[in-house]
Amino acid sequence: MIVATLVPLQATILALVGIGATVLILTRDPLRMTIVSGVYGWLLTLLFFVLSAPDVALSMLVVSCVGYPVILLVAVTRSRNK
């Protein structure tokens, strides 16, 4: 079983990722969803780093914590101005 071989830090971050995904799905407001998406991306970055995949963690950091939230915020701002 995969869960039995996890270090407690890995298991904790994996549980936080599961909670973060649930919160992201249940969020309805687009602005809050953007913020929660950034936090979720940060949690995934931590998970990849703890699981010894630093190259994937760096890519995830740039895409999900910086790029994607900025694009969403611009889209939400433009749609609210019209």
N, C-alpha and C. Protein backbone atom coordinates (compact mmCIF):
# COMPACT_ATOMS: atom_id res chain seq x y z
N MET A 1 0.84 -1.18 0.00
CA MET A 1 0.00 0.00 0.00
C MET A 1 0.88 1.24 0.00
N ILE A 2 0.54 2.21 -0.80
CA ILE A 2 1.38 3.39 -0.96
C ILE A 2 1.36 4.27 0.28
N VAL A 3 0.24 4.37 0.97
CA VAL A 3 0.13 5.23 2.14
C VAL A 3 1.03 4.75 3.27
N ALA A 4 1.24 3.46 3.37
CA ALA A 4 2.07 2.91 4.44
C ALA A 4 3.54 3.27 4.28
N THR A 5 3.99 3.58 3.06
CA THR A 5 5.40 3.90 2.83
C THR A 5 5.68 5.39 2.90
N LEU A 6 4.67 6.21 3.12
CA LEU A 6 4.89 7.65 3.17
C LEU A 6 5.48 8.08 4.50
N VAL A 7 6.36 9.05 4.42
CA VAL A 7 6.90 9.71 5.60
C VAL A 7 5.78 10.59 6.17
N PRO A 8 5.73 10.83 7.48
CA PRO A 8 4.65 11.65 8.03
C PRO A 8 4.51 13.03 7.38
N LEU A 9 5.61 13.66 7.00
CA LEU A 9 5.53 14.96 6.32
C LEU A 9 4.83 14.81 4.97
N GLN A 10 5.17 13.77 4.23
CA GLN A 10 4.52 13.53 2.95
C GLN A 10 3.04 13.26 3.11
N ALA A 11 2.69 12.47 4.11
CA ALA A 11 1.28 12.16 4.36
C ALA A 11 0.51 13.41 4.75
N THR A 12 1.12 14.27 5.56
CA THR A 12 0.46 15.51 5.97
C THR A 12 0.20 16.42 4.79
N ILE A 13 1.21 16.60 3.94
CA ILE A 13 1.04 17.47 2.78
C ILE A 13 0.05 16.87 1.80
N LEU A 14 0.05 15.55 1.65
CA LEU A 14 -0.93 14.89 0.79
C LEU A 14 -2.35 15.11 1.30
N ALA A 15 -2.53 15.06 2.61
CA ALA A 15 -3.85 15.33 3.19
C ALA A 15 -4.25 16.79 2.96
N LEU A 16 -3.30 17.72 3.10
CA LEU A 16 -3.59 19.13 2.84
C LEU A 16 -3.96 19.37 1.38
N VAL A 17 -3.31 18.65 0.47
CA VAL A 17 -3.65 18.76 -0.96
C VAL A 17 -5.09 18.28 -1.19
N GLY A 18 -5.48 17.19 -0.53
CA GLY A 18 -6.86 16.70 -0.66
C GLY A 18 -7.87 17.71 -0.12
N ILE A 19 -7.55 18.32 1.01
CA ILE A 19 -8.44 19.34 1.58
C ILE A 19 -8.49 20.57 0.66
N GLY A 20 -7.33 20.95 0.14
CA GLY A 20 -7.29 22.10 -0.77
C GLY A 20 -8.09 21.87 -2.04
N ALA A 21 -8.04 20.67 -2.58
CA ALA A 21 -8.83 20.35 -3.78
C ALA A 21 -10.31 20.43 -3.49
N THR A 22 -10.71 19.95 -2.31
CA THR A 22 -12.13 20.01 -1.93
C THR A 22 -12.59 21.45 -1.79
N VAL A 23 -11.77 22.27 -1.14
CA VAL A 23 -12.13 23.69 -0.97
C VAL A 23 -12.19 24.38 -2.32
N LEU A 24 -11.28 24.07 -3.21
CA LEU A 24 -11.28 24.67 -4.54
C LEU A 24 -12.55 24.32 -5.31
N ILE A 25 -12.98 23.09 -5.21
CA ILE A 25 -14.19 22.67 -5.92
C ILE A 25 -15.43 23.35 -5.34
N LEU A 26 -15.46 23.55 -4.04
CA LEU A 26 -16.65 24.12 -3.39
C LEU A 26 -16.70 25.64 -3.43
N THR A 27 -15.64 26.30 -3.87
CA THR A 27 -15.61 27.76 -3.95
C THR A 27 -16.39 28.23 -5.17
N ARG A 28 -17.28 29.22 -4.96
CA ARG A 28 -18.13 29.70 -6.06
C ARG A 28 -17.72 31.07 -6.61
N ASP A 29 -17.20 31.95 -5.76
CA ASP A 29 -16.83 33.29 -6.19
C ASP A 29 -15.53 33.23 -7.00
N PRO A 30 -15.50 33.83 -8.21
CA PRO A 30 -14.31 33.73 -9.06
C PRO A 30 -13.05 34.33 -8.42
N LEU A 31 -13.18 35.42 -7.69
CA LEU A 31 -12.00 36.02 -7.06
C LEU A 31 -11.45 35.12 -5.96
N ARG A 32 -12.32 34.58 -5.13
CA ARG A 32 -11.87 33.65 -4.09
C ARG A 32 -11.31 32.37 -4.70
N MET A 33 -11.91 31.96 -5.81
CA MET A 33 -11.44 30.76 -6.49
C MET A 33 -10.01 30.95 -7.00
N THR A 34 -9.71 32.15 -7.47
CA THR A 34 -8.36 32.44 -7.93
C THR A 34 -7.35 32.35 -6.79
N ILE A 35 -7.72 32.89 -5.64
CA ILE A 35 -6.83 32.84 -4.49
C ILE A 35 -6.65 31.40 -4.00
N VAL A 36 -7.75 30.67 -3.92
CA VAL A 36 -7.67 29.27 -3.48
C VAL A 36 -6.88 28.44 -4.48
N SER A 37 -7.01 28.75 -5.75
CA SER A 37 -6.24 28.04 -6.77
C SER A 37 -4.74 28.28 -6.60
N GLY A 38 -4.35 29.50 -6.25
CA GLY A 38 -2.94 29.79 -5.99
C GLY A 38 -2.42 29.03 -4.77
N VAL A 39 -3.23 28.97 -3.73
CA VAL A 39 -2.84 28.22 -2.53
C VAL A 39 -2.74 26.72 -2.84
N TYR A 40 -3.70 26.23 -3.62
CA TYR A 40 -3.68 24.82 -4.01
C TYR A 40 -2.43 24.50 -4.84
N GLY A 41 -2.07 25.39 -5.74
CA GLY A 41 -0.85 25.21 -6.52
C GLY A 41 0.39 25.21 -5.66
N TRP A 42 0.40 26.05 -4.63
CA TRP A 42 1.51 26.08 -3.69
C TRP A 42 1.61 24.77 -2.92
N LEU A 43 0.47 24.23 -2.52
CA LEU A 43 0.46 22.93 -1.83
C LEU A 43 0.97 21.82 -2.73
N LEU A 44 0.56 21.85 -4.00
CA LEU A 44 1.06 20.85 -4.94
C LEU A 44 2.57 21.00 -5.15
N THR A 45 3.04 22.24 -5.17
CA THR A 45 4.48 22.47 -5.29
C THR A 45 5.22 21.86 -4.11
N LEU A 46 4.70 22.08 -2.90
CA LEU A 46 5.31 21.46 -1.72
C LEU A 46 5.30 19.94 -1.81
N LEU A 47 4.18 19.39 -2.26
CA LEU A 47 4.08 17.94 -2.38
C LEU A 47 5.12 17.39 -3.35
N PHE A 48 5.27 18.02 -4.51
CA PHE A 48 6.26 17.55 -5.48
C PHE A 48 7.68 17.68 -4.92
N PHE A 49 7.93 18.75 -4.19
CA PHE A 49 9.26 18.94 -3.61
C PHE A 49 9.55 17.87 -2.56
N VAL A 50 8.57 17.58 -1.72
CA VAL A 50 8.76 16.56 -0.68
C VAL A 50 8.89 15.17 -1.29
N LEU A 51 8.26 14.93 -2.41
CA LEU A 51 8.35 13.64 -3.08
C LEU A 51 9.57 13.55 -4.00
N SER A 52 10.52 14.46 -3.84
CA SER A 52 11.80 14.47 -4.56
C SER A 52 11.65 14.67 -6.06
N ALA A 53 10.84 15.63 -6.43
CA ALA A 53 10.70 16.02 -7.83
C ALA A 53 10.84 17.55 -7.93
N PRO A 54 12.06 18.07 -7.69
CA PRO A 54 12.21 19.53 -7.66
C PRO A 54 11.99 20.21 -9.00
N ASP A 55 12.27 19.52 -10.10
CA ASP A 55 12.05 20.12 -11.42
C ASP A 55 10.56 20.32 -11.68
N VAL A 56 9.75 19.35 -11.31
CA VAL A 56 8.30 19.47 -11.46
C VAL A 56 7.77 20.52 -10.49
N ALA A 57 8.36 20.59 -9.29
CA ALA A 57 7.93 21.58 -8.30
C ALA A 57 8.18 23.00 -8.79
N LEU A 58 9.32 23.24 -9.41
CA LEU A 58 9.60 24.58 -9.93
C LEU A 58 8.66 24.95 -11.06
N SER A 59 8.38 24.01 -11.95
CA SER A 59 7.43 24.27 -13.03
C SER A 59 6.04 24.55 -12.48
N MET A 60 5.63 23.78 -11.49
CA MET A 60 4.33 23.96 -10.87
C MET A 60 4.24 25.30 -10.17
N LEU A 61 5.32 25.72 -9.55
CA LEU A 61 5.35 26.99 -8.85
C LEU A 61 5.11 28.14 -9.82
N VAL A 62 5.78 28.13 -10.94
CA VAL A 62 5.64 29.21 -11.91
C VAL A 62 4.26 29.21 -12.54
N VAL A 63 3.78 28.05 -12.92
CA VAL A 63 2.50 27.97 -13.63
C VAL A 63 1.31 28.20 -12.71
N SER A 64 1.24 27.46 -11.61
CA SER A 64 0.02 27.49 -10.81
C SER A 64 -0.02 28.57 -9.75
N CYS A 65 1.13 29.06 -9.33
CA CYS A 65 1.13 30.09 -8.28
C CYS A 65 1.31 31.49 -8.84
N VAL A 66 1.80 31.61 -10.05
CA VAL A 66 2.04 32.93 -10.62
C VAL A 66 1.23 33.13 -11.90
N GLY A 67 1.46 32.29 -12.88
CA GLY A 67 0.85 32.49 -14.20
C GLY A 67 -0.65 32.36 -14.23
N TYR A 68 -1.16 31.25 -13.76
CA TYR A 68 -2.59 30.98 -13.83
C TYR A 68 -3.42 31.96 -13.01
N PRO A 69 -3.07 32.27 -11.76
CA PRO A 69 -3.86 33.27 -11.02
C PRO A 69 -3.85 34.65 -11.66
N VAL A 70 -2.72 35.06 -12.23
CA VAL A 70 -2.67 36.37 -12.89
C VAL A 70 -3.60 36.40 -14.09
N ILE A 71 -3.61 35.34 -14.88
CA ILE A 71 -4.50 35.28 -16.04
C ILE A 71 -5.96 35.29 -15.60
N LEU A 72 -6.29 34.54 -14.55
CA LEU A 72 -7.66 34.53 -14.05
C LEU A 72 -8.08 35.90 -13.50
N LEU A 73 -7.20 36.56 -12.77
CA LEU A 73 -7.54 37.88 -12.24
C LEU A 73 -7.78 38.89 -13.35
N VAL A 74 -6.99 38.85 -14.40
CA VAL A 74 -7.19 39.74 -15.54
C VAL A 74 -8.53 39.44 -16.21
N ALA A 75 -8.85 38.16 -16.39
CA ALA A 75 -10.11 37.79 -17.01
C ALA A 75 -11.31 38.21 -16.17
N VAL A 76 -11.23 38.02 -14.87
CA VAL A 76 -12.33 38.41 -13.98
C VAL A 76 -12.49 39.92 -13.97
N THR A 77 -11.39 40.66 -13.94
CA THR A 77 -11.45 42.12 -13.93
C THR A 77 -12.06 42.63 -15.22
N ARG A 78 -11.66 42.07 -16.33
CA ARG A 78 -12.22 42.52 -17.61
C ARG A 78 -13.70 42.18 -17.75
N SER A 79 -14.10 41.05 -17.24
CA SER A 79 -15.52 40.67 -17.35
C SER A 79 -16.39 41.50 -16.43
N ARG A 80 -15.87 41.95 -15.30
CA ARG A 80 -16.65 42.79 -14.38
C ARG A 80 -16.74 44.23 -14.84
N ASN A 81 -15.79 44.69 -15.65
CA ASN A 81 -15.81 46.06 -16.15
C ASN A 81 -16.81 46.26 -17.27
N LYS A 82 -17.23 45.21 -17.91
CA LYS A 82 -18.15 45.35 -19.05
C LYS A 82 -19.58 45.38 -18.60
